Amino acid sequence: MKTRVYRIWINRILLILTFLILFTGFGITYPGVVEPLTLGFLGKSLSYRIHTFLWGPFLVAVLVHIYLSAGLNRITSSETRNKER
């Protein structure tokens, strides 16, 4: 049960981080579009700093997501094999 809760949370965190990485990337590339959308808050320099900072947490979230997905598949497949016997 705990693994399911962890997977739900890591999926949500990964979704938010992915959105932020993409949005700040657009803020670096197209600051004329993103700056008015954020009411002047997210300029090119701030987008670059946030984008650079987010790669660490994003990578950790991806690795945890992969670990939980692979671990759950192993547990599920071993339970299925045990039930068949």
N, C-alpha and C. Protein backbone atom coordinates (compact mmCIF):
# COMPACT_ATOMS: atom_id res chain seq x y z
N MET A 1 0.81 -1.19 0.00
CA MET A 1 0.00 0.00 0.00
C MET A 1 0.86 1.26 0.00
N LYS A 2 1.95 1.24 0.80
CA LYS A 2 2.81 2.41 0.86
C LYS A 2 3.44 2.70 -0.50
N THR A 3 3.81 1.65 -1.21
CA THR A 3 4.45 1.84 -2.52
C THR A 3 3.51 2.56 -3.47
N ARG A 4 2.24 2.26 -3.40
CA ARG A 4 1.26 2.92 -4.27
C ARG A 4 1.18 4.42 -3.96
N VAL A 5 1.19 4.76 -2.69
CA VAL A 5 1.14 6.17 -2.29
C VAL A 5 2.41 6.88 -2.76
N TYR A 6 3.55 6.23 -2.60
CA TYR A 6 4.81 6.83 -3.06
C TYR A 6 4.79 7.03 -4.57
N ARG A 7 4.27 6.05 -5.29
CA ARG A 7 4.20 6.18 -6.75
C ARG A 7 3.30 7.34 -7.17
N ILE A 8 2.18 7.50 -6.49
CA ILE A 8 1.27 8.61 -6.82
C ILE A 8 1.96 9.94 -6.58
N TRP A 9 2.64 10.07 -5.45
CA TRP A 9 3.32 11.33 -5.14
C TRP A 9 4.47 11.60 -6.09
N ILE A 10 5.27 10.60 -6.40
CA ILE A 10 6.40 10.82 -7.31
C ILE A 10 5.90 11.14 -8.70
N ASN A 11 4.78 10.56 -9.12
CA ASN A 11 4.21 10.89 -10.43
C ASN A 11 3.76 12.35 -10.48
N ARG A 12 3.13 12.81 -9.41
CA ARG A 12 2.70 14.21 -9.36
C ARG A 12 3.89 15.17 -9.35
N ILE A 13 4.88 14.84 -8.55
CA ILE A 13 6.07 15.69 -8.49
C ILE A 13 6.77 15.73 -9.83
N LEU A 14 6.88 14.59 -10.47
CA LEU A 14 7.54 14.52 -11.77
C LEU A 14 6.75 15.30 -12.82
N LEU A 15 5.45 15.26 -12.77
CA LEU A 15 4.63 16.03 -13.70
C LEU A 15 4.85 17.53 -13.51
N ILE A 16 4.87 17.98 -12.27
CA ILE A 16 5.09 19.40 -11.99
C ILE A 16 6.48 19.83 -12.44
N LEU A 17 7.50 19.02 -12.12
CA LEU A 17 8.86 19.36 -12.53
C LEU A 17 9.01 19.38 -14.04
N THR A 18 8.36 18.45 -14.73
CA THR A 18 8.41 18.43 -16.19
C THR A 18 7.78 19.69 -16.76
N PHE A 19 6.63 20.08 -16.23
CA PHE A 19 5.99 21.31 -16.68
C PHE A 19 6.89 22.52 -16.45
N LEU A 20 7.51 22.61 -15.26
CA LEU A 20 8.37 23.75 -14.95
C LEU A 20 9.61 23.77 -15.85
N ILE A 21 10.19 22.61 -16.10
CA ILE A 21 11.36 22.56 -16.99
C ILE A 21 10.99 23.04 -18.39
N LEU A 22 9.87 22.56 -18.90
CA LEU A 22 9.44 22.98 -20.24
C LEU A 22 9.11 24.47 -20.28
N PHE A 23 8.39 24.95 -19.29
CA PHE A 23 7.98 26.35 -19.27
C PHE A 23 9.18 27.28 -19.13
N THR A 24 10.13 26.94 -18.27
CA THR A 24 11.32 27.79 -18.14
C THR A 24 12.20 27.69 -19.37
N GLY A 25 12.20 26.54 -20.02
CA GLY A 25 12.94 26.41 -21.29
C GLY A 25 12.37 27.33 -22.36
N PHE A 26 11.04 27.40 -22.42
CA PHE A 26 10.41 28.34 -23.34
C PHE A 26 10.71 29.78 -22.91
N GLY A 27 10.83 30.01 -21.61
CA GLY A 27 11.16 31.34 -21.11
C GLY A 27 12.55 31.78 -21.52
N ILE A 28 13.46 30.83 -21.66
CA ILE A 28 14.81 31.14 -22.13
C ILE A 28 14.79 31.40 -23.63
N THR A 29 14.09 30.57 -24.37
CA THR A 29 14.08 30.64 -25.82
C THR A 29 13.19 31.76 -26.34
N TYR A 30 12.00 31.90 -25.76
CA TYR A 30 11.03 32.90 -26.21
C TYR A 30 10.60 33.78 -25.03
N PRO A 31 11.49 34.64 -24.55
CA PRO A 31 11.12 35.47 -23.39
C PRO A 31 10.01 36.47 -23.71
N GLY A 32 9.86 36.86 -24.96
CA GLY A 32 8.81 37.79 -25.34
C GLY A 32 7.41 37.21 -25.20
N VAL A 33 7.32 35.89 -25.21
CA VAL A 33 6.02 35.23 -25.07
C VAL A 33 5.75 34.88 -23.61
N VAL A 34 6.75 34.36 -22.93
CA VAL A 34 6.56 33.86 -21.56
C VAL A 34 6.46 35.00 -20.56
N GLU A 35 7.20 36.06 -20.74
CA GLU A 35 7.18 37.16 -19.78
C GLU A 35 5.79 37.79 -19.64
N PRO A 36 5.08 38.09 -20.72
CA PRO A 36 3.71 38.61 -20.54
C PRO A 36 2.75 37.58 -19.92
N LEU A 37 2.96 36.30 -20.22
CA LEU A 37 2.09 35.27 -19.63
C LEU A 37 2.24 35.20 -18.12
N THR A 38 3.45 35.48 -17.63
CA THR A 38 3.70 35.43 -16.19
C THR A 38 3.64 36.82 -15.55
N LEU A 39 3.10 37.79 -16.29
CA LEU A 39 2.96 39.17 -15.82
C LEU A 39 4.30 39.79 -15.44
N GLY A 40 5.32 39.48 -16.22
CA GLY A 40 6.64 40.05 -16.02
C GLY A 40 7.50 39.38 -14.97
N PHE A 41 6.98 38.35 -14.33
CA PHE A 41 7.73 37.68 -13.26
C PHE A 41 8.87 36.83 -13.80
N LEU A 42 8.61 36.09 -14.86
CA LEU A 42 9.58 35.12 -15.36
C LEU A 42 10.28 35.66 -16.60
N GLY A 43 11.35 36.39 -16.35
CA GLY A 43 12.15 36.91 -17.45
C GLY A 43 13.16 35.88 -17.93
N LYS A 44 14.01 36.29 -18.86
CA LYS A 44 14.97 35.35 -19.43
C LYS A 44 16.00 34.89 -18.41
N SER A 45 16.52 35.80 -17.60
CA SER A 45 17.57 35.42 -16.63
C SER A 45 17.01 34.53 -15.52
N LEU A 46 15.82 34.88 -15.01
CA LEU A 46 15.22 34.04 -13.97
C LEU A 46 14.84 32.68 -14.52
N SER A 47 14.35 32.64 -15.75
CA SER A 47 14.03 31.36 -16.39
C SER A 47 15.27 30.48 -16.48
N TYR A 48 16.38 31.08 -16.86
CA TYR A 48 17.63 30.32 -16.99
C TYR A 48 18.08 29.77 -15.64
N ARG A 49 18.00 30.60 -14.59
CA ARG A 49 18.42 30.13 -13.26
C ARG A 49 17.53 29.01 -12.74
N ILE A 50 16.23 29.15 -12.91
CA ILE A 50 15.30 28.10 -12.45
C ILE A 50 15.49 26.83 -13.27
N HIS A 51 15.63 26.99 -14.58
CA HIS A 51 15.81 25.86 -15.48
C HIS A 51 17.08 25.08 -15.11
N THR A 52 18.16 25.80 -14.84
CA THR A 52 19.42 25.15 -14.47
C THR A 52 19.30 24.45 -13.11
N PHE A 53 18.62 25.09 -12.17
CA PHE A 53 18.46 24.50 -10.83
C PHE A 53 17.60 23.24 -10.85
N LEU A 54 16.59 23.19 -11.71
CA LEU A 54 15.62 22.09 -11.68
C LEU A 54 16.14 20.78 -12.24
N TRP A 55 17.28 20.78 -12.92
CA TRP A 55 17.75 19.52 -13.50
C TRP A 55 18.11 18.48 -12.44
N GLY A 56 18.64 18.91 -11.31
CA GLY A 56 18.97 17.96 -10.24
C GLY A 56 17.73 17.28 -9.66
N PRO A 57 16.75 18.05 -9.17
CA PRO A 57 15.54 17.42 -8.65
C PRO A 57 14.79 16.61 -9.71
N PHE A 58 14.81 17.08 -10.96
CA PHE A 58 14.14 16.35 -12.03
C PHE A 58 14.79 14.99 -12.24
N LEU A 59 16.11 14.95 -12.25
CA LEU A 59 16.82 13.69 -12.45
C LEU A 59 16.56 12.73 -11.29
N VAL A 60 16.56 13.23 -10.08
CA VAL A 60 16.28 12.39 -8.91
C VAL A 60 14.85 11.83 -9.00
N ALA A 61 13.89 12.68 -9.37
CA ALA A 61 12.50 12.23 -9.49
C ALA A 61 12.35 11.17 -10.57
N VAL A 62 13.05 11.33 -11.69
CA VAL A 62 12.97 10.33 -12.77
C VAL A 62 13.56 9.00 -12.30
N LEU A 63 14.69 9.04 -11.62
CA LEU A 63 15.31 7.81 -11.14
C LEU A 63 14.43 7.10 -10.11
N VAL A 64 13.83 7.85 -9.19
CA VAL A 64 12.94 7.25 -8.20
C VAL A 64 11.71 6.67 -8.90
N HIS A 65 11.18 7.38 -9.88
CA HIS A 65 10.03 6.90 -10.65
C HIS A 65 10.36 5.57 -11.34
N ILE A 66 11.52 5.50 -11.97
CA ILE A 66 11.93 4.27 -12.65
C ILE A 66 12.13 3.14 -11.63
N TYR A 67 12.74 3.45 -10.50
CA TYR A 67 12.97 2.44 -9.47
C TYR A 67 11.65 1.87 -8.94
N LEU A 68 10.70 2.77 -8.63
CA LEU A 68 9.42 2.30 -8.11
C LEU A 68 8.65 1.52 -9.17
N SER A 69 8.73 1.93 -10.41
CA SER A 69 8.02 1.21 -11.47
C SER A 69 8.61 -0.18 -11.68
N ALA A 70 9.93 -0.27 -11.70
CA ALA A 70 10.58 -1.56 -11.90
C ALA A 70 10.36 -2.46 -10.68
N GLY A 71 10.41 -1.90 -9.49
CA GLY A 71 10.21 -2.68 -8.28
C GLY A 71 8.81 -3.23 -8.18
N LEU A 72 7.83 -2.43 -8.55
CA LEU A 72 6.45 -2.88 -8.48
C LEU A 72 6.19 -3.98 -9.50
N ASN A 73 6.77 -3.87 -10.69
CA ASN A 73 6.60 -4.92 -11.69
C ASN A 73 7.22 -6.23 -11.24
N ARG A 74 8.38 -6.15 -10.60
CA ARG A 74 9.01 -7.36 -10.09
C ARG A 74 8.14 -8.02 -9.02
N ILE A 75 7.59 -7.21 -8.12
CA ILE A 75 6.76 -7.76 -7.04
C ILE A 75 5.50 -8.38 -7.64
N THR A 76 4.89 -7.70 -8.57
CA THR A 76 3.66 -8.19 -9.19
C THR A 76 3.92 -9.49 -9.94
N SER A 77 5.00 -9.54 -10.70
CA SER A 77 5.28 -10.75 -11.47
C SER A 77 5.64 -11.92 -10.55
N SER A 78 6.35 -11.67 -9.44
CA SER A 78 6.68 -12.76 -8.53
C SER A 78 5.43 -13.26 -7.80
N GLU A 79 4.50 -12.34 -7.47
CA GLU A 79 3.25 -12.77 -6.84
C GLU A 79 2.42 -13.60 -7.81
N THR A 80 2.42 -13.23 -9.09
CA THR A 80 1.68 -13.97 -10.10
C THR A 80 2.28 -15.36 -10.26
N ARG A 81 3.60 -15.45 -10.28
CA ARG A 81 4.24 -16.75 -10.41
C ARG A 81 3.94 -17.63 -9.21
N ASN A 82 3.91 -17.05 -8.01
CA ASN A 82 3.62 -17.83 -6.81
C ASN A 82 2.17 -18.33 -6.80
N LYS A 83 1.26 -17.56 -7.32
CA LYS A 83 -0.14 -17.97 -7.38
C LYS A 83 -0.35 -19.10 -8.38
N GLU A 84 0.43 -19.12 -9.44
CA GLU A 84 0.29 -20.15 -10.47
C GLU A 84 0.76 -21.51 -9.96
N ARG A 85 1.65 -21.54 -9.01
CA ARG A 85 2.23 -22.80 -8.52
C ARG A 85 1.31 -23.49 -7.62
